[in-house]
Amino acid sequence: GNYAGRLVFDDGHATGIFSWAYLHALGREREKRWSAYLDA
């Protein structure tokens, strides 16, 4: 639609629909989220 995108990865994983706002937030908060991911 006009509200989201489905990411298709090269390992075959393609589940999940992400709003454009959420994808924008991932980019905007990349450093903080990446650090939290590595810590987890």
PDB file of all heavy atoms in Angstrom:
ATOM      1  N   GLY A   1       0.836  -1.192   0.000  1.00  0.00           N
ATOM      2  CA  GLY A   1       0.000   0.000   0.000  1.00  0.00           C
ATOM      3  C   GLY A   1       0.873   1.244   0.000  1.00  0.00           C
ATOM      4  O   GLY A   1       1.981   1.248  -0.542  1.00  0.00           O
ATOM      5  N   ASN A   2       0.377   2.294   0.632  1.00  0.00           N
ATOM      6  CA  ASN A   2       1.136   3.545   0.755  1.00  0.00           C
ATOM      7  C   ASN A   2       1.762   3.709   2.123  1.00  0.00           C
ATOM      8  O   ASN A   2       2.386   4.721   2.392  1.00  0.00           O
ATOM      9  CB  ASN A   2       0.215   4.745   0.488  1.00  0.00           C
ATOM     10  CG  ASN A   2      -0.198   4.824  -0.952  1.00  0.00           C
ATOM     11  OD1 ASN A   2       0.584   4.527  -1.848  1.00  0.00           O
ATOM     12  ND2 ASN A   2      -1.440   5.212  -1.189  1.00  0.00           N
ATOM     13  N   TYR A   3       1.576   2.716   3.000  1.00  0.00           N
ATOM     14  CA  TYR A   3       1.944   2.899   4.396  1.00  0.00           C
ATOM     15  C   TYR A   3       3.122   2.055   4.879  1.00  0.00           C
ATOM     16  O   TYR A   3       3.631   2.269   5.973  1.00  0.00           O
ATOM     17  CB  TYR A   3       0.736   2.601   5.292  1.00  0.00           C
ATOM     18  CG  TYR A   3       0.312   1.149   5.263  1.00  0.00           C
ATOM     19  CD1 TYR A   3       0.796   0.244   6.194  1.00  0.00           C
ATOM     20  CD2 TYR A   3      -0.556   0.680   4.269  1.00  0.00           C
ATOM     21  CE1 TYR A   3       0.426  -1.080   6.159  1.00  0.00           C
ATOM     22  CE2 TYR A   3      -0.938  -0.639   4.233  1.00  0.00           C
ATOM     23  CZ  TYR A   3      -0.444  -1.519   5.177  1.00  0.00           C
ATOM     24  OH  TYR A   3      -0.812  -2.839   5.130  1.00  0.00           O
ATOM     25  N   ALA A   4       3.579   1.075   4.089  1.00  0.00           N
ATOM     26  CA  ALA A   4       4.580   0.154   4.628  1.00  0.00           C
ATOM     27  C   ALA A   4       5.380  -0.513   3.518  1.00  0.00           C
ATOM     28  O   ALA A   4       5.087  -0.359   2.334  1.00  0.00           O
ATOM     29  CB  ALA A   4       3.894  -0.921   5.478  1.00  0.00           C
ATOM     30  N   GLY A   5       6.381  -1.255   3.950  1.00  0.00           N
ATOM     31  CA  GLY A   5       7.179  -2.041   3.026  1.00  0.00           C
ATOM     32  C   GLY A   5       7.517  -3.387   3.635  1.00  0.00           C
ATOM     33  O   GLY A   5       7.590  -3.529   4.861  1.00  0.00           O
ATOM     34  N   ARG A   6       7.670  -4.371   2.776  1.00  0.00           N
ATOM     35  CA  ARG A   6       8.116  -5.703   3.195  1.00  0.00           C
ATOM     36  C   ARG A   6       9.572  -5.822   2.767  1.00  0.00           C
ATOM     37  O   ARG A   6       9.915  -5.625   1.603  1.00  0.00           O
ATOM     38  CB  ARG A   6       7.299  -6.792   2.508  1.00  0.00           C
ATOM     39  CG  ARG A   6       7.761  -8.205   2.847  1.00  0.00           C
ATOM     40  CD  ARG A   6       7.083  -9.294   2.024  1.00  0.00           C
ATOM     41  NE  ARG A   6       5.702  -9.025   1.689  1.00  0.00           N
ATOM     42  CZ  ARG A   6       4.651  -9.255   2.476  1.00  0.00           C
ATOM     43  NH1 ARG A   6       4.833  -9.788   3.668  1.00  0.00           N
ATOM     44  NH2 ARG A   6       3.426  -8.972   2.083  1.00  0.00           N
ATOM     45  N   LEU A   7      10.439  -6.118   3.719  1.00  0.00           N
ATOM     46  CA  LEU A   7      11.853  -6.298   3.415  1.00  0.00           C
ATOM     47  C   LEU A   7      12.097  -7.761   3.055  1.00  0.00           C
ATOM     48  O   LEU A   7      11.676  -8.656   3.784  1.00  0.00           O
ATOM     49  CB  LEU A   7      12.714  -5.919   4.623  1.00  0.00           C
ATOM     50  CG  LEU A   7      12.568  -4.496   5.142  1.00  0.00           C
ATOM     51  CD1 LEU A   7      13.501  -4.271   6.317  1.00  0.00           C
ATOM     52  CD2 LEU A   7      12.814  -3.476   4.052  1.00  0.00           C
ATOM     53  N   VAL A   8      12.773  -7.975   1.938  1.00  0.00           N
ATOM     54  CA  VAL A   8      13.138  -9.321   1.500  1.00  0.00           C
ATOM     55  C   VAL A   8      14.663  -9.414   1.586  1.00  0.00           C
ATOM     56  O   VAL A   8      15.380  -8.627   0.956  1.00  0.00           O
ATOM     57  CB  VAL A   8      12.661  -9.598   0.056  1.00  0.00           C
ATOM     58  CG1 VAL A   8      13.084 -10.984  -0.391  1.00  0.00           C
ATOM     59  CG2 VAL A   8      11.145  -9.425  -0.047  1.00  0.00           C
ATOM     60  N   PHE A   9      15.133 -10.360   2.389  1.00  0.00           N
ATOM     61  CA  PHE A   9      16.565 -10.504   2.628  1.00  0.00           C
ATOM     62  C   PHE A   9      17.148 -11.611   1.753  1.00  0.00           C
ATOM     63  O   PHE A   9      16.431 -12.526   1.335  1.00  0.00           O
ATOM     64  CB  PHE A   9      16.812 -10.818   4.106  1.00  0.00           C
ATOM     65  CG  PHE A   9      16.373  -9.704   5.016  1.00  0.00           C
ATOM     66  CD1 PHE A   9      15.084  -9.667   5.523  1.00  0.00           C
ATOM     67  CD2 PHE A   9      17.236  -8.681   5.344  1.00  0.00           C
ATOM     68  CE1 PHE A   9      14.657  -8.637   6.346  1.00  0.00           C
ATOM     69  CE2 PHE A   9      16.829  -7.642   6.175  1.00  0.00           C
ATOM     70  CZ  PHE A   9      15.531  -7.622   6.673  1.00  0.00           C
ATOM     71  N   ASP A  10      18.432 -11.538   1.514  1.00  0.00           N
ATOM     72  CA  ASP A  10      19.067 -12.520   0.631  1.00  0.00           C
ATOM     73  C   ASP A  10      19.212 -13.911   1.252  1.00  0.00           C
ATOM     74  O   ASP A  10      19.598 -14.853   0.567  1.00  0.00           O
ATOM     75  CB  ASP A  10      20.410 -12.020   0.099  1.00  0.00           C
ATOM     76  CG  ASP A  10      21.459 -11.786   1.166  1.00  0.00           C
ATOM     77  OD1 ASP A  10      21.172 -11.980   2.377  1.00  0.00           O
ATOM     78  OD2 ASP A  10      22.571 -11.392   0.797  1.00  0.00           O
ATOM     79  N   ASP A  11      18.846 -14.061   2.527  1.00  0.00           N
ATOM     80  CA  ASP A  11      18.836 -15.397   3.143  1.00  0.00           C
ATOM     81  C   ASP A  11      17.455 -16.036   3.055  1.00  0.00           C
ATOM     82  O   ASP A  11      17.199 -17.083   3.632  1.00  0.00           O
ATOM     83  CB  ASP A  11      19.313 -15.336   4.595  1.00  0.00           C
ATOM     84  CG  ASP A  11      18.349 -14.629   5.534  1.00  0.00           C
ATOM     85  OD1 ASP A  11      17.386 -13.986   5.055  1.00  0.00           O
ATOM     86  OD2 ASP A  11      18.563 -14.703   6.757  1.00  0.00           O
ATOM     87  N   GLY A  12      16.523 -15.375   2.316  1.00  0.00           N
ATOM     88  CA  GLY A  12      15.195 -15.920   2.122  1.00  0.00           C
ATOM     89  C   GLY A  12      14.158 -15.429   3.114  1.00  0.00           C
ATOM     90  O   GLY A  12      12.971 -15.662   2.949  1.00  0.00           O
ATOM     91  N   HIS A  13      14.570 -14.726   4.140  1.00  0.00           N
ATOM     92  CA  HIS A  13      13.651 -14.225   5.154  1.00  0.00           C
ATOM     93  C   HIS A  13      12.877 -13.046   4.579  1.00  0.00           C
ATOM     94  O   HIS A  13      13.467 -12.099   4.083  1.00  0.00           O
ATOM     95  CB  HIS A  13      14.446 -13.805   6.393  1.00  0.00           C
ATOM     96  CG  HIS A  13      13.611 -13.255   7.484  1.00  0.00           C
ATOM     97  ND1 HIS A  13      14.024 -12.208   8.247  1.00  0.00           N
ATOM     98  CD2 HIS A  13      12.393 -13.595   7.937  1.00  0.00           C
ATOM     99  CE1 HIS A  13      13.097 -11.935   9.141  1.00  0.00           C
ATOM    100  NE2 HIS A  13      12.098 -12.758   8.968  1.00  0.00           N
ATOM    101  N   ALA A  14      11.552 -13.130   4.615  1.00  0.00           N
ATOM    102  CA  ALA A  14      10.729 -12.052   4.052  1.00  0.00           C
ATOM    103  C   ALA A  14       9.439 -11.853   4.850  1.00  0.00           C
ATOM    104  O   ALA A  14       8.463 -11.342   4.323  1.00  0.00           O
ATOM    105  CB  ALA A  14      10.399 -12.356   2.596  1.00  0.00           C
ATOM    106  N   THR A  15       9.431 -12.266   6.108  1.00  0.00           N
ATOM    107  CA  THR A  15       8.230 -12.081   6.913  1.00  0.00           C
ATOM    108  C   THR A  15       8.286 -10.722   7.584  1.00  0.00           C
ATOM    109  O   THR A  15       9.351 -10.217   7.914  1.00  0.00           O
ATOM    110  CB  THR A  15       8.096 -13.187   7.979  1.00  0.00           C
ATOM    111  OG1 THR A  15       9.257 -13.174   8.809  1.00  0.00           O
ATOM    112  CG2 THR A  15       7.943 -14.545   7.342  1.00  0.00           C
ATOM    113  N   GLY A  16       7.160 -10.142   7.769  1.00  0.00           N
ATOM    114  CA  GLY A  16       7.077  -8.858   8.449  1.00  0.00           C
ATOM    115  C   GLY A  16       6.843  -7.714   7.490  1.00  0.00           C
ATOM    116  O   GLY A  16       7.415  -7.662   6.408  1.00  0.00           O
ATOM    117  N   ILE A  17       5.968  -6.829   7.898  1.00  0.00           N
ATOM    118  CA  ILE A  17       5.682  -5.606   7.170  1.00  0.00           C
ATOM    119  C   ILE A  17       6.014  -4.466   8.113  1.00  0.00           C
ATOM    120  O   ILE A  17       5.598  -4.462   9.277  1.00  0.00           O
ATOM    121  CB  ILE A  17       4.200  -5.568   6.742  1.00  0.00           C
ATOM    122  CG1 ILE A  17       3.919  -6.710   5.764  1.00  0.00           C
ATOM    123  CG2 ILE A  17       3.849  -4.225   6.123  1.00  0.00           C
ATOM    124  CD1 ILE A  17       2.454  -6.874   5.413  1.00  0.00           C
ATOM    125  N   PHE A  18       6.755  -3.504   7.622  1.00  0.00           N
ATOM    126  CA  PHE A  18       7.230  -2.404   8.452  1.00  0.00           C
ATOM    127  C   PHE A  18       6.717  -1.086   7.899  1.00  0.00           C
ATOM    128  O   PHE A  18       6.858  -0.812   6.705  1.00  0.00           O
ATOM    129  CB  PHE A  18       8.764  -2.395   8.492  1.00  0.00           C
ATOM    130  CG  PHE A  18       9.347  -3.692   8.948  1.00  0.00           C
ATOM    131  CD1 PHE A  18       9.695  -4.669   8.033  1.00  0.00           C
ATOM    132  CD2 PHE A  18       9.521  -3.953  10.294  1.00  0.00           C
ATOM    133  CE1 PHE A  18      10.225  -5.882   8.443  1.00  0.00           C
ATOM    134  CE2 PHE A  18      10.043  -5.173  10.721  1.00  0.00           C
ATOM    135  CZ  PHE A  18      10.399  -6.129   9.794  1.00  0.00           C
ATOM    136  N   SER A  19       6.141  -0.257   8.760  1.00  0.00           N
ATOM    137  CA  SER A  19       5.644   1.041   8.301  1.00  0.00           C
ATOM    138  C   SER A  19       6.829   1.898   7.865  1.00  0.00           C
ATOM    139  O   SER A  19       7.954   1.732   8.342  1.00  0.00           O
ATOM    140  CB  SER A  19       4.865   1.744   9.412  1.00  0.00           C
ATOM    141  OG  SER A  19       5.746   2.226  10.416  1.00  0.00           O
ATOM    142  N   TRP A  20       6.535   2.824   6.951  1.00  0.00           N
ATOM    143  CA  TRP A  20       7.604   3.730   6.508  1.00  0.00           C
ATOM    144  C   TRP A  20       8.113   4.546   7.684  1.00  0.00           C
ATOM    145  O   TRP A  20       9.313   4.827   7.789  1.00  0.00           O
ATOM    146  CB  TRP A  20       7.109   4.632   5.380  1.00  0.00           C
ATOM    147  CG  TRP A  20       6.704   3.875   4.150  1.00  0.00           C
ATOM    148  CD1 TRP A  20       5.467   3.882   3.572  1.00  0.00           C
ATOM    149  CD2 TRP A  20       7.513   2.989   3.352  1.00  0.00           C
ATOM    150  NE1 TRP A  20       5.460   3.056   2.469  1.00  0.00           N
ATOM    151  CE2 TRP A  20       6.706   2.493   2.311  1.00  0.00           C
ATOM    152  CE3 TRP A  20       8.832   2.556   3.425  1.00  0.00           C
ATOM    153  CZ2 TRP A  20       7.159   1.609   1.348  1.00  0.00           C
ATOM    154  CZ3 TRP A  20       9.286   1.663   2.463  1.00  0.00           C
ATOM    155  CH2 TRP A  20       8.472   1.205   1.449  1.00  0.00           C
ATOM    156  N   ALA A  21       7.223   4.910   8.623  1.00  0.00           N
ATOM    157  CA  ALA A  21       7.639   5.672   9.805  1.00  0.00           C
ATOM    158  C   ALA A  21       8.615   4.856  10.661  1.00  0.00           C
ATOM    159  O   ALA A  21       9.608   5.391  11.165  1.00  0.00           O
ATOM    160  CB  ALA A  21       6.415   6.077  10.630  1.00  0.00           C
ATOM    161  N   TYR A  22       8.342   3.558  10.827  1.00  0.00           N
ATOM    162  CA  TYR A  22       9.234   2.709  11.614  1.00  0.00           C
ATOM    163  C   TYR A  22      10.593   2.559  10.922  1.00  0.00           C
ATOM    164  O   TYR A  22      11.638   2.655  11.566  1.00  0.00           O
ATOM    165  CB  TYR A  22       8.603   1.335  11.839  1.00  0.00           C
ATOM    166  CG  TYR A  22       9.490   0.403  12.619  1.00  0.00           C
ATOM    167  CD1 TYR A  22       9.750   0.615  13.965  1.00  0.00           C
ATOM    168  CD2 TYR A  22      10.090  -0.697  11.999  1.00  0.00           C
ATOM    169  CE1 TYR A  22      10.579  -0.239  14.683  1.00  0.00           C
ATOM    170  CE2 TYR A  22      10.910  -1.553  12.713  1.00  0.00           C
ATOM    171  CZ  TYR A  22      11.152  -1.322  14.047  1.00  0.00           C
ATOM    172  OH  TYR A  22      11.978  -2.150  14.745  1.00  0.00           O
ATOM    173  N   LEU A  23      10.580   2.347   9.615  1.00  0.00           N
ATOM    174  CA  LEU A  23      11.843   2.227   8.879  1.00  0.00           C
ATOM    175  C   LEU A  23      12.639   3.527   8.962  1.00  0.00           C
ATOM    176  O   LEU A  23      13.871   3.505   9.111  1.00  0.00           O
ATOM    177  CB  LEU A  23      11.580   1.834   7.425  1.00  0.00           C
ATOM    178  CG  LEU A  23      11.021   0.428   7.235  1.00  0.00           C
ATOM    179  CD1 LEU A  23      10.610   0.215   5.782  1.00  0.00           C
ATOM    180  CD2 LEU A  23      12.001  -0.634   7.675  1.00  0.00           C
ATOM    181  N   HIS A  24      11.952   4.653   8.918  1.00  0.00           N
ATOM    182  CA  HIS A  24      12.623   5.946   9.068  1.00  0.00           C
ATOM    183  C   HIS A  24      13.258   6.062  10.457  1.00  0.00           C
ATOM    184  O   HIS A  24      14.394   6.513  10.596  1.00  0.00           O
ATOM    185  CB  HIS A  24      11.631   7.082   8.819  1.00  0.00           C
ATOM    186  CG  HIS A  24      12.260   8.427   8.879  1.00  0.00           C
ATOM    187  ND1 HIS A  24      12.198   9.225   9.989  1.00  0.00           N
ATOM    188  CD2 HIS A  24      12.986   9.106   7.959  1.00  0.00           C
ATOM    189  CE1 HIS A  24      12.851  10.337   9.764  1.00  0.00           C
ATOM    190  NE2 HIS A  24      13.343  10.291   8.534  1.00  0.00           N
ATOM    191  N   ALA A  25      12.513   5.634  11.489  1.00  0.00           N
ATOM    192  CA  ALA A  25      13.044   5.670  12.860  1.00  0.00           C
ATOM    193  C   ALA A  25      14.273   4.780  12.996  1.00  0.00           C
ATOM    194  O   ALA A  25      15.225   5.139  13.693  1.00  0.00           O
ATOM    195  CB  ALA A  25      11.967   5.245  13.858  1.00  0.00           C
ATOM    196  N   LEU A  26      14.277   3.612  12.338  1.00  0.00           N
ATOM    197  CA  LEU A  26      15.462   2.740  12.385  1.00  0.00           C
ATOM    198  C   LEU A  26      16.692   3.454  11.844  1.00  0.00           C
ATOM    199  O   LEU A  26      17.779   3.361  12.415  1.00  0.00           O
ATOM    200  CB  LEU A  26      15.225   1.452  11.578  1.00  0.00           C
ATOM    201  CG  LEU A  26      14.253   0.441  12.154  1.00  0.00           C
ATOM    202  CD1 LEU A  26      14.119  -0.746  11.202  1.00  0.00           C
ATOM    203  CD2 LEU A  26      14.685  -0.029  13.527  1.00  0.00           C
ATOM    204  N   GLY A  27      16.514   4.168  10.741  1.00  0.00           N
ATOM    205  CA  GLY A  27      17.637   4.918  10.177  1.00  0.00           C
ATOM    206  C   GLY A  27      18.049   6.080  11.059  1.00  0.00           C
ATOM    207  O   GLY A  27      19.240   6.313  11.289  1.00  0.00           O
ATOM    208  N   ARG A  28      17.082   6.802  11.582  1.00  0.00           N
ATOM    209  CA  ARG A  28      17.355   7.973  12.412  1.00  0.00           C
ATOM    210  C   ARG A  28      18.041   7.574  13.723  1.00  0.00           C
ATOM    211  O   ARG A  28      18.910   8.286  14.221  1.00  0.00           O
ATOM    212  CB  ARG A  28      16.038   8.698  12.692  1.00  0.00           C
ATOM    213  CG  ARG A  28      16.176  10.031  13.373  1.00  0.00           C
ATOM    214  CD  ARG A  28      14.832  10.726  13.598  1.00  0.00           C
ATOM    215  NE  ARG A  28      13.973   9.912  14.445  1.00  0.00           N
ATOM    216  CZ  ARG A  28      12.802   9.389  14.067  1.00  0.00           C
ATOM    217  NH1 ARG A  28      12.346   9.574  12.848  1.00  0.00           N
ATOM    218  NH2 ARG A  28      12.087   8.667  14.908  1.00  0.00           N
ATOM    219  N   GLU A  29      17.678   6.415  14.273  1.00  0.00           N
ATOM    220  CA  GLU A  29      18.209   5.971  15.569  1.00  0.00           C
ATOM    221  C   GLU A  29      19.204   4.831  15.422  1.00  0.00           C
ATOM    222  O   GLU A  29      19.400   4.043  16.352  1.00  0.00           O
ATOM    223  CB  GLU A  29      17.040   5.533  16.455  1.00  0.00           C
ATOM    224  CG  GLU A  29      16.020   6.626  16.695  1.00  0.00           C
ATOM    225  CD  GLU A  29      14.741   6.115  17.326  1.00  0.00           C
ATOM    226  OE1 GLU A  29      14.651   4.911  17.642  1.00  0.00           O
ATOM    227  OE2 GLU A  29      13.818   6.925  17.497  1.00  0.00           O
ATOM    228  N   ARG A  30      19.847   4.753  14.267  1.00  0.00           N
ATOM    229  CA  ARG A  30      20.714   3.622  13.948  1.00  0.00           C
ATOM    230  C   ARG A  30      21.766   3.346  15.015  1.00  0.00           C
ATOM    231  O   ARG A  30      21.915   2.222  15.467  1.00  0.00           O
ATOM    232  CB  ARG A  30      21.398   3.823  12.605  1.00  0.00           C
ATOM    233  CG  ARG A  30      22.277   2.639  12.241  1.00  0.00           C
ATOM    234  CD  ARG A  30      23.157   2.924  11.040  1.00  0.00           C
ATOM    235  NE  ARG A  30      23.926   1.770  10.639  1.00  0.00           N
ATOM    236  CZ  ARG A  30      25.032   1.348  11.245  1.00  0.00           C
ATOM    237  NH1 ARG A  30      25.489   1.977  12.307  1.00  0.00           N
ATOM    238  NH2 ARG A  30      25.672   0.277  10.820  1.00  0.00           N
ATOM    239  N   GLU A  31      22.516   4.347  15.407  1.00  0.00           N
ATOM    240  CA  GLU A  31      23.620   4.137  16.354  1.00  0.00           C
ATOM    241  C   GLU A  31      23.125   3.573  17.684  1.00  0.00           C
ATOM    242  O   GLU A  31      23.691   2.619  18.205  1.00  0.00           O
ATOM    243  CB  GLU A  31      24.396   5.435  16.564  1.00  0.00           C
ATOM    244  CG  GLU A  31      25.125   5.919  15.328  1.00  0.00           C
ATOM    245  CD  GLU A  31      26.105   4.900  14.766  1.00  0.00           C
ATOM    246  OE1 GLU A  31      26.785   4.216  15.549  1.00  0.00           O
ATOM    247  OE2 GLU A  31      26.180   4.794  13.527  1.00  0.00           O
ATOM    248  N   LYS A  32      22.066   4.152  18.224  1.00  0.00           N
ATOM    249  CA  LYS A  32      21.520   3.697  19.510  1.00  0.00           C
ATOM    250  C   LYS A  32      20.990   2.269  19.395  1.00  0.00           C
ATOM    251  O   LYS A  32      21.269   1.421  20.247  1.00  0.00           O
ATOM    252  CB  LYS A  32      20.412   4.642  19.960  1.00  0.00           C
ATOM    253  CG  LYS A  32      19.758   4.248  21.266  1.00  0.00           C
ATOM    254  CD  LYS A  32      18.716   5.252  21.701  1.00  0.00           C
ATOM    255  CE  LYS A  32      17.459   5.035  20.898  1.00  0.00           C
ATOM    256  NZ  LYS A  32      16.314   5.813  21.394  1.00  0.00           N
ATOM    257  N   ARG A  33      20.241   1.999  18.331  1.00  0.00           N
ATOM    258  CA  ARG A  33      19.653   0.671  18.154  1.00  0.00           C
ATOM    259  C   ARG A  33      20.721  -0.386  17.864  1.00  0.00           C
ATOM    260  O   ARG A  33      20.622  -1.515  18.332  1.00  0.00           O
ATOM    261  CB  ARG A  33      18.603   0.698  17.050  1.00  0.00           C
ATOM    262  CG  ARG A  33      17.361   1.455  17.454  1.00  0.00           C
ATOM    263  CD  ARG A  33      16.394   1.576  16.294  1.00  0.00           C
ATOM    264  NE  ARG A  33      15.184   2.263  16.635  1.00  0.00           N
ATOM    265  CZ  ARG A  33      14.037   1.670  16.935  1.00  0.00           C
ATOM    266  NH1 ARG A  33      13.948   0.357  16.934  1.00  0.00           N
ATOM    267  NH2 ARG A  33      12.972   2.376  17.223  1.00  0.00           N
ATOM    268  N   TRP A  34      21.745  -0.021  17.093  1.00  0.00           N
ATOM    269  CA  TRP A  34      22.814  -0.966  16.766  1.00  0.00           C
ATOM    270  C   TRP A  34      23.569  -1.360  18.031  1.00  0.00           C
ATOM    271  O   TRP A  34      23.867  -2.529  18.254  1.00  0.00           O
ATOM    272  CB  TRP A  34      23.765  -0.374  15.729  1.00  0.00           C
ATOM    273  CG  TRP A  34      24.754  -1.371  15.237  1.00  0.00           C
ATOM    274  CD1 TRP A  34      26.089  -1.403  15.496  1.00  0.00           C
ATOM    275  CD2 TRP A  34      24.493  -2.497  14.395  1.00  0.00           C
ATOM    276  NE1 TRP A  34      26.667  -2.485  14.876  1.00  0.00           N
ATOM    277  CE2 TRP A  34      25.709  -3.175  14.199  1.00  0.00           C
ATOM    278  CE3 TRP A  34      23.345  -3.007  13.805  1.00  0.00           C
ATOM    279  CZ2 TRP A  34      25.805  -4.323  13.425  1.00  0.00           C
ATOM    280  CZ3 TRP A  34      23.447  -4.154  13.041  1.00  0.00           C
ATOM    281  CH2 TRP A  34      24.672  -4.790  12.855  1.00  0.00           C
ATOM    282  N   SER A  35      23.859  -0.377  18.863  1.00  0.00           N
ATOM    283  CA  SER A  35      24.556  -0.642  20.119  1.00  0.00           C
ATOM    284  C   SER A  35      23.722  -1.562  21.014  1.00  0.00           C
ATOM    285  O   SER A  35      24.252  -2.507  21.610  1.00  0.00           O
ATOM    286  CB  SER A  35      24.842   0.678  20.831  1.00  0.00           C
ATOM    287  OG  SER A  35      25.504   0.455  22.045  1.00  0.00           O
ATOM    288  N   ALA A  36      22.415  -1.307  21.091  1.00  0.00           N
ATOM    289  CA  ALA A  36      21.534  -2.152  21.910  1.00  0.00           C
ATOM    290  C   ALA A  36      21.483  -3.573  21.351  1.00  0.00           C
ATOM    291  O   ALA A  36      21.468  -4.546  22.120  1.00  0.00           O
ATOM    292  CB  ALA A  36      20.132  -1.548  21.964  1.00  0.00           C
ATOM    293  N   TYR A  37      21.467  -3.702  20.032  1.00  0.00           N
ATOM    294  CA  TYR A  37      21.466  -5.029  19.385  1.00  0.00           C
ATOM    295  C   TYR A  37      22.736  -5.803  19.743  1.00  0.00           C
ATOM    296  O   TYR A  37      22.673  -6.970  20.131  1.00  0.00           O
ATOM    297  CB  TYR A  37      21.343  -4.860  17.874  1.00  0.00           C
ATOM    298  CG  TYR A  37      21.705  -6.079  17.070  1.00  0.00           C
ATOM    299  CD1 TYR A  37      20.886  -7.207  17.061  1.00  0.00           C
ATOM    300  CD2 TYR A  37      22.865  -6.116  16.311  1.00  0.00           C
ATOM    301  CE1 TYR A  37      21.220  -8.332  16.317  1.00  0.00           C
ATOM    302  CE2 TYR A  37      23.201  -7.226  15.559  1.00  0.00           C
ATOM    303  CZ  TYR A  37      22.372  -8.330  15.572  1.00  0.00           C
ATOM    304  OH  TYR A  37      22.715  -9.438  14.841  1.00  0.00           O
ATOM    305  N   LEU A  38      23.885  -5.157  19.623  1.00  0.00           N
ATOM    306  CA  LEU A  38      25.153  -5.824  19.943  1.00  0.00           C
ATOM    307  C   LEU A  38      25.215  -6.211  21.418  1.00  0.00           C
ATOM    308  O   LEU A  38      25.694  -7.290  21.760  1.00  0.00           O
ATOM    309  CB  LEU A  38      26.333  -4.930  19.561  1.00  0.00           C
ATOM    310  CG  LEU A  38      26.510  -4.674  18.071  1.00  0.00           C
ATOM    311  CD1 LEU A  38      27.666  -3.695  17.843  1.00  0.00           C
ATOM    312  CD2 LEU A  38      26.712  -5.954  17.284  1.00  0.00           C
ATOM    313  N   ASP A  39      24.718  -5.343  22.292  1.00  0.00           N
ATOM    314  CA  ASP A  39      24.673  -5.652  23.731  1.00  0.00           C
ATOM    315  C   ASP A  39      23.774  -6.855  23.993  1.00  0.00           C
ATOM    316  O   ASP A  39      24.103  -7.720  24.812  1.00  0.00           O
ATOM    317  CB  ASP A  39      24.182  -4.446  24.533  1.00  0.00           C
ATOM    318  CG  ASP A  39      25.190  -3.309  24.589  1.00  0.00           C
ATOM    319  OD1 ASP A  39      26.381  -3.538  24.246  1.00  0.00           O
ATOM    320  OD2 ASP A  39      24.783  -2.193  24.957  1.00  0.00           O
ATOM    321  N   ALA A  40      22.629  -6.925  23.312  1.00  0.00           N
ATOM    322  CA  ALA A  40      21.698  -8.047  23.497  1.00  0.00           C
ATOM    323  C   ALA A  40      22.319  -9.356  23.023  1.00  0.00           C
ATOM    324  O   ALA A  40      22.174 -10.397  23.675  1.00  0.00           O
ATOM    325  CB  ALA A  40      20.384  -7.778  22.764  1.00  0.00           C
TER     326      ALA A  40
END
